[in-house]
Amino acid sequence: MDQKTMMKKIAEKVGRERAIDLVMQAYNTELLTTLLNRLEEAKPRMIGQYKRRDHLTDAMVRVLEVCDLTN
């Protein structure tokens, strides 16, 4: 599912403004989680090059998962 479709589904469930707020909060959480994981010294280093994640899509997936729990 692409980002536009996910955002439309979220907006249908919670409204446009609330959808934007929820996705932005989830996006910030995704960014912080990635940053904290990189800074954590006790965590073993990944072999190979770091793969860039699509934080916006990850955020939308998380919000959709939570929205779907109410159905």
N, C-alpha and C. Protein backbone atom coordinates (compact mmCIF):
# COMPACT_ATOMS: atom_id res chain seq x y z
N MET A 1 0.85 -1.17 0.00
CA MET A 1 0.00 0.00 0.00
C MET A 1 0.90 1.24 0.00
N ASP A 2 0.59 2.21 -0.84
CA ASP A 2 1.42 3.40 -0.91
C ASP A 2 1.04 4.41 0.18
N GLN A 3 1.88 5.43 0.34
CA GLN A 3 1.70 6.40 1.41
C GLN A 3 0.38 7.16 1.29
N LYS A 4 0.01 7.53 0.07
CA LYS A 4 -1.22 8.30 -0.14
C LYS A 4 -2.45 7.50 0.29
N THR A 5 -2.47 6.23 -0.07
CA THR A 5 -3.59 5.37 0.30
C THR A 5 -3.66 5.18 1.81
N MET A 6 -2.49 4.97 2.44
CA MET A 6 -2.48 4.81 3.89
C MET A 6 -2.98 6.07 4.59
N MET A 7 -2.56 7.24 4.10
CA MET A 7 -2.98 8.49 4.73
C MET A 7 -4.48 8.70 4.56
N LYS A 8 -5.02 8.34 3.41
CA LYS A 8 -6.46 8.46 3.20
C LYS A 8 -7.23 7.56 4.16
N LYS A 9 -6.74 6.34 4.37
CA LYS A 9 -7.40 5.41 5.29
C LYS A 9 -7.37 5.96 6.72
N ILE A 10 -6.24 6.50 7.11
CA ILE A 10 -6.12 7.07 8.45
C ILE A 10 -7.08 8.25 8.60
N ALA A 11 -7.10 9.13 7.59
CA ALA A 11 -7.97 10.32 7.64
C ALA A 11 -9.44 9.93 7.69
N GLU A 12 -9.81 8.86 7.01
CA GLU A 12 -11.20 8.39 7.06
C GLU A 12 -11.59 7.96 8.46
N LYS A 13 -10.64 7.40 9.18
CA LYS A 13 -10.93 6.88 10.51
C LYS A 13 -10.93 7.95 11.59
N VAL A 14 -10.02 8.94 11.49
CA VAL A 14 -9.87 9.90 12.59
C VAL A 14 -10.04 11.36 12.17
N GLY A 15 -10.21 11.62 10.91
CA GLY A 15 -10.31 13.01 10.44
C GLY A 15 -8.96 13.51 9.96
N ARG A 16 -9.00 14.51 9.09
CA ARG A 16 -7.79 15.00 8.43
C ARG A 16 -6.76 15.56 9.41
N GLU A 17 -7.18 16.50 10.25
CA GLU A 17 -6.24 17.16 11.16
C GLU A 17 -5.64 16.18 12.17
N ARG A 18 -6.48 15.33 12.71
CA ARG A 18 -6.00 14.34 13.68
C ARG A 18 -5.06 13.34 13.01
N ALA A 19 -5.35 12.99 11.77
CA ALA A 19 -4.48 12.07 11.02
C ALA A 19 -3.09 12.66 10.85
N ILE A 20 -3.05 13.93 10.51
CA ILE A 20 -1.75 14.60 10.35
C ILE A 20 -0.99 14.59 11.67
N ASP A 21 -1.67 14.93 12.76
CA ASP A 21 -1.02 14.94 14.07
C ASP A 21 -0.50 13.56 14.45
N LEU A 22 -1.33 12.54 14.26
CA LEU A 22 -0.92 11.18 14.63
C LEU A 22 0.27 10.70 13.83
N VAL A 23 0.25 10.95 12.53
CA VAL A 23 1.35 10.49 11.67
C VAL A 23 2.63 11.26 12.00
N MET A 24 2.53 12.54 12.27
CA MET A 24 3.72 13.31 12.62
C MET A 24 4.31 12.85 13.95
N GLN A 25 3.46 12.54 14.92
CA GLN A 25 3.95 12.02 16.20
C GLN A 25 4.63 10.66 16.01
N ALA A 26 4.02 9.81 15.22
CA ALA A 26 4.60 8.50 14.94
C ALA A 26 5.91 8.65 14.16
N TYR A 27 5.97 9.59 13.23
CA TYR A 27 7.18 9.84 12.45
C TYR A 27 8.32 10.27 13.37
N ASN A 28 8.03 11.19 14.29
CA ASN A 28 9.05 11.64 15.24
C ASN A 28 9.53 10.48 16.10
N THR A 29 8.62 9.62 16.50
CA THR A 29 8.99 8.44 17.29
C THR A 29 9.90 7.52 16.50
N GLU A 30 9.59 7.31 15.22
CA GLU A 30 10.44 6.47 14.37
C GLU A 30 11.85 7.06 14.26
N LEU A 31 11.94 8.37 14.08
CA LEU A 31 13.26 9.01 13.98
C LEU A 31 14.05 8.86 15.27
N LEU A 32 13.39 9.11 16.40
CA LEU A 32 14.07 9.00 17.69
C LEU A 32 14.51 7.57 17.98
N THR A 33 13.67 6.61 17.63
CA THR A 33 14.02 5.21 17.84
C THR A 33 15.27 4.84 17.04
N THR A 34 15.32 5.28 15.79
CA THR A 34 16.49 5.00 14.96
C THR A 34 17.74 5.66 15.54
N LEU A 35 17.60 6.90 15.96
CA LEU A 35 18.75 7.62 16.52
C LEU A 35 19.24 6.95 17.80
N LEU A 36 18.32 6.58 18.68
CA LEU A 36 18.72 5.93 19.93
C LEU A 36 19.38 4.58 19.67
N ASN A 37 18.87 3.86 18.71
CA ASN A 37 19.49 2.57 18.38
C ASN A 37 20.91 2.75 17.87
N ARG A 38 21.15 3.81 17.12
CA ARG A 38 22.50 4.07 16.61
C ARG A 38 23.44 4.48 17.74
N LEU A 39 22.91 5.21 18.72
CA LEU A 39 23.75 5.72 19.80
C LEU A 39 24.02 4.68 20.88
N GLU A 40 23.21 3.67 20.95
CA GLU A 40 23.34 2.66 21.98
C GLU A 40 24.66 1.89 21.81
N GLU A 41 25.54 2.02 22.77
CA GLU A 41 26.87 1.41 22.63
C GLU A 41 26.86 -0.08 22.86
N ALA A 42 25.99 -0.57 23.70
CA ALA A 42 25.99 -1.99 24.02
C ALA A 42 25.43 -2.84 22.89
N LYS A 43 24.74 -2.23 21.97
CA LYS A 43 24.15 -2.97 20.86
C LYS A 43 25.24 -3.39 19.87
N PRO A 44 25.25 -4.65 19.48
CA PRO A 44 26.26 -5.09 18.50
C PRO A 44 26.07 -4.35 17.16
N ARG A 45 27.17 -4.04 16.56
CA ARG A 45 27.13 -3.31 15.28
C ARG A 45 26.61 -4.22 14.17
N MET A 46 25.88 -3.62 13.26
CA MET A 46 25.36 -4.37 12.12
C MET A 46 26.49 -4.64 11.14
N ILE A 47 26.47 -5.79 10.56
CA ILE A 47 27.47 -6.13 9.55
C ILE A 47 27.01 -5.52 8.24
N GLY A 48 27.91 -4.86 7.56
CA GLY A 48 27.56 -4.24 6.29
C GLY A 48 27.12 -2.80 6.49
N GLN A 49 26.63 -2.23 5.43
CA GLN A 49 26.24 -0.83 5.44
C GLN A 49 24.84 -0.65 6.03
N TYR A 50 24.64 0.47 6.70
CA TYR A 50 23.34 0.79 7.28
C TYR A 50 22.32 0.99 6.16
N LYS A 51 21.16 0.38 6.32
CA LYS A 51 20.10 0.54 5.33
C LYS A 51 19.16 1.65 5.77
N ARG A 52 18.94 2.61 4.90
CA ARG A 52 18.05 3.72 5.22
C ARG A 52 16.61 3.24 5.24
N ARG A 53 15.91 3.55 6.33
CA ARG A 53 14.52 3.16 6.47
C ARG A 53 13.62 4.28 5.99
N ASP A 54 12.44 3.92 5.58
CA ASP A 54 11.43 4.90 5.20
C ASP A 54 10.59 5.18 6.44
N HIS A 55 10.98 6.18 7.20
CA HIS A 55 10.35 6.47 8.48
C HIS A 55 8.89 6.89 8.32
N LEU A 56 8.57 7.60 7.26
CA LEU A 56 7.19 8.06 7.07
C LEU A 56 6.26 6.86 6.83
N THR A 57 6.68 5.94 6.00
CA THR A 57 5.86 4.75 5.75
C THR A 57 5.74 3.91 7.03
N ASP A 58 6.83 3.76 7.76
CA ASP A 58 6.78 3.02 9.02
C ASP A 58 5.81 3.68 10.00
N ALA A 59 5.82 5.00 10.05
CA ALA A 59 4.91 5.73 10.94
C ALA A 59 3.46 5.50 10.53
N MET A 60 3.18 5.58 9.25
CA MET A 60 1.81 5.39 8.77
C MET A 60 1.33 3.96 9.05
N VAL A 61 2.21 3.00 8.87
CA VAL A 61 1.84 1.61 9.15
C VAL A 61 1.49 1.45 10.62
N ARG A 62 2.27 2.05 11.50
CA ARG A 62 1.98 1.96 12.94
C ARG A 62 0.64 2.60 13.28
N VAL A 63 0.36 3.78 12.72
CA VAL A 63 -0.90 4.46 13.00
C VAL A 63 -2.07 3.63 12.47
N LEU A 64 -1.93 3.08 11.27
CA LEU A 64 -2.99 2.24 10.71
C LEU A 64 -3.23 0.99 11.55
N GLU A 65 -2.17 0.40 12.07
CA GLU A 65 -2.31 -0.78 12.92
C GLU A 65 -3.13 -0.44 14.16
N VAL A 66 -2.86 0.71 14.76
CA VAL A 66 -3.59 1.13 15.94
C VAL A 66 -5.05 1.45 15.59
N CYS A 67 -5.26 2.12 14.48
CA CYS A 67 -6.63 2.45 14.05
C CYS A 67 -7.42 1.17 13.78
N ASP A 68 -6.79 0.17 13.21
CA ASP A 68 -7.47 -1.08 12.89
C ASP A 68 -7.83 -1.89 14.14
N LEU A 69 -7.15 -1.64 15.24
CA LEU A 69 -7.45 -2.34 16.48
C LEU A 69 -8.85 -1.98 16.99
N THR A 70 -9.35 -0.83 16.61
CA THR A 70 -10.66 -0.38 17.11
C THR A 70 -11.81 -0.99 16.32
N ASN A 71 -11.53 -1.66 15.21
CA ASN A 71 -12.59 -2.25 14.39
C ASN A 71 -12.96 -3.63 14.89
